[in-house]
Amino acid sequence: MDVSVDSDVLQTLHTKEATSLHRISDDLSACGVGKIVDLPQIIVVGEQSAGKSSVLEAISHIRFPVDSSVCTRFATELIFHHASETRIEASVSFADKKPSQTFQRQKFHEDDLPDIIKEAKEHMGFSQDGKDFSKDVLRLEIEGPKIYPLSLVDLPGLYHTTSQNQSSVGRDTVDELVEGYMRQKNSIILVVVSANVNLVSHSALEKAKTIDPQRRRTIGVITKPDLALPSNAKEYIMVAKNQESAHKLQLGWHVLRNRGEDETRLETRDKLEASFFEKGAWATVPGEDLGIANFRKKLSGILFQHIRNSLPGVIEDIETKLRDRQEELTRLGTGRSDAKARRSYLLTIASDFQRLARDGCNGRYNDSFFGGLEDEDLKFRALLRNFNRVFDYILRTKGSTQSIMFSEDDKPDEDRLPGYLASFLDRYPYEFPDPERVTTEELSVELESKAAINQGREFPGSPNADLAMQLFKNQAAPWKRITEFHVEMVVSVAKAFVDQLFKYVIGSPQNNPTTEAILSTHVDPFFEEKEKLLRSKIDELLRPYLQGYSSPVDIEFYQALSQKSANRVANQVCKTLEDQCPELFSETSKNSLTPEKITQAMVSGQNSRVGEFGTDKIIDMMLTYYEMSRRTFTDNVVNLAIESCLVCSIPEILTPTKVDGMSDTELEDLAAERIETTSRRHLLDTEIKILQDGLTTCRKHKPRIANVLPSSRPVVSPSGPPTASKPTTKPAPAPIPAAPGPASSVPATAATAKAQPAPILSPGSSIVSPKGGMTGQVPASTSNSSATGGGGLFNSSTTPTSKPKQDATDPVQTKTPSIFDNRNGSSAPVSSGSTGGLFSSNAATVALTQKSLFGTGSGGVGGPPNQKPAVAGFGSGGSSNATKG
């Protein structure tokens, strides 16, 4: 493709700094960095025939239709991109949401734009429907190796008077189109006004005021200065100097002379313009605001500033991409072409894995692998503890075949699950059936038939121990299923933890084959072996309970059985009393509970369920033994199975010792590089270099934020006493009052020490601190300072003690000297002990002396005569130990 544009002219729209950023933009984009250069679009706004198209033509040296008989009918976007190959594309975007229409071009010369606009008019249907203006947009995109980003937008001119070719509907269309572009935050608005008509006739100025009230995106451009009448020229020159308050712009104004219709060469236009501004009234405008060459410089500065403002976000993006690549390169390690390099690589992996595995098993989560405070998936010890809590809860609530109640009205003890454990159980559900509800009476009836079948040589009414053990085995039957499921869950989570840990240390299997090799040769065999070991251990732990040869600890069993039997008897006694003497449980009962009634109830309660086979005792023995065994079994599964057979061995899956003992063949199988890995390392090295260079360039050009020290100095209030500004670090110390001493009549003047000049402040004048942050007014006062002063360093001249506002001559007020004190020409000396005015005006001059400010000589605080004090005193008078002022 053939592209012929004035690249030298377009280059002047970019500063050297911007060009350096453009050059690295493509390389950074290839590394995944977002747009480093997202330039604003330069739009021209103004009345018809104000010279808008001529301004764009002068900026770019690309011919725009500028014939006085032809006006712009729609928006034209001219967009330049930097690219390694040349490409030209013209397209029309329709306002009615129809698919855009593209018409390819094989060449573009700087004189071709009018023909492209004419062709676009046909696509927009100007010739068919006779419309005068359109919201459709012509976009011409040009890419090339010597072209840098730029976006220019030519817009139809504003008009007020309608005609045959310019309807009121067209006027509204133009207004909406122009205002739409002006409201876009990335638009730099060139408000074009022609000097050959009155300034008030340009409505574009008011539009810019409304849409850009802060005037941050608006540049004023004055055209046709050579056609201005003398009466208009004077006003426009004031505007060009940015001295017209109504039209003052932050980005300023610029004056351009338009190309005449008989000037065919743009170079001729530039020369005639430069010659015009060398003389005449327009020569009084500053040179940097005249001519197209200076205008391009001005625009280049604005465009570069926009780039600078976007650099902090770009820098953050670059830093993220750079950190990711450096971490991946670290995981890949150095090249591994021999056994020594492979062993070194695996030693690093083994060391990191063992450290993090131990951290996970011990509950130390400082490494980024474990995530933040809210992350839980990789915190292995926390997961283990929650799994074990759930295991204990499931065994308590669903581990028995039957749930034995004293009566049908009884409810099982509620075992409430903490909220955090309930959500954990939702993520890892343990779905087991609830136990069958049965009363002791129903179970006793069932046991009597079994006891009759299995009775031995025991005395009548004595329990059969074998029957109690058989009942226990039936009650503990769900333990095996629950335990096997629990161990499977723990093994699954442990394996996922180890897999993720190796992927974190080495990298994903897709990027590094070493990960897959270690997982298949070390991790998978480890867990297969542990699963077999755990199944064997579970059978071992269940065997005493399921085969029925376990025996409880004597004392603990006897105490628990006695307690359970006593509870059973108590329940039976209460039930007997309630059945036989219901009046005892009435709130209005007056009957007393006698020993006879209690004895009778206990005898009845004992006899009520004393059967021939002692089934109640069998139930008590079974329940006692079940609770003791369940607790022991739970602890054994956690400690002897899960911890001893699995968790303690996880950090030993891959250790430096194992790596040291590997043969060269094993090292090659685990750590040999694929060609893809070598290529990936080379690519990472290249991208890291690009990102580092880009980061250096961006940091060099990013805007620097000024660092300002916090201020805790008091602020002089315009009316009333001073108020101290709110300190950002610590409050300023309180003023030091002067100690009593002999009066001194030596004024603080430049005669006593080298003076530092200070401004003369009159009452009511503004005060601005040279360090910023202090503004106010000097309070009016005609009275001298009180001899018993000692007011604060920034005290007002008058401090009211009664009414908030009083006349300055009110005798009730106490006069306190201030460093901003104005004595209205009074030559009265500053009395001993007073602060004196640091900015006092005495006889129309103000001097800040070394003695009055720092208290040298005898003016210091608490020091001996003729010795520089440790603490500075203020005013010409001294404090304690002062003999002279």
Foldseek 3Di string as FASTA:
>chain_A
DAEAFDLVLLCLLADPLRVVLQVLQVVVVVLVFPGLADAFAEEEAWAQLLCRQLLVCLSGVADDPNPSVDFDAEKEKEKEAEDAAKAKKKWKAAPVRDDIGIDGDPYDHSDCVVVVVVVVCVVVPCVPPVAQHHHMYIYMYIYHNSIHTHMYMYATHADDDADPNRDPVSNVVRVVSVLVQLLPPRYQYEYRGELQDAPVVICVQVSCCVNVVLLPRYEYEYEDLVNHDPVSNVVVLCQQLLNPVVRRHPLGYAYEYGDDPVDPHSVVRQVVQVVVCVDDPNVVRPPCRYGNSSVSNSSNVVRLVVSQQCLVVSLVSLVVSLVVLVLQLVLLDDADPALVSLLVNQQQLLVQLLVVLVCLLVQNDPDCLQPDPPGDLQSLNVVLVLLLVVLLVCCVFAQFQEDEAQDPPDDPDDDDDDPVSVVVCVVVPDDDDGHHYDYLVRVLVVVVVVCVVVPDPDAWLDADQVSLLVNLLNTRVSVVVSLLVSVVVSLVSLLVNSLSSSCSNNNDCVQAVLSVLLCVPQVVVLSVVLNVVLVVLLCVLCVCNNVVPDDDDPVQLVVQLVVLVVVQLVVLLVVQCCVPPVLVVDPPRPDDDDPVSSVVSSVCSVPVPRGRHNSVSSVSSNVSVNVVSSVVSSVCSSPVRPVVSPSVCVSVSRHSVVSVPDDRVVSCSNRPDDPSNVVSSVVSVVSSVSSVVSSVSSVVSHDDDDDADWDQAWAQAQDAKTGTDDGPPDHDDWQDFFADDDKAFDADDCVVAPWDFDDQADFQDWDADPRGDYIYGQHDAQDDADLRARHTAATHQWHADPDRDDDRPPPNIHGAAYLSDENPQDQGGRIARGQHHVNYQHNNGHTRGPCQFFVAALAAEPDAGRHRDPGGGHGNHHHPNRDHD
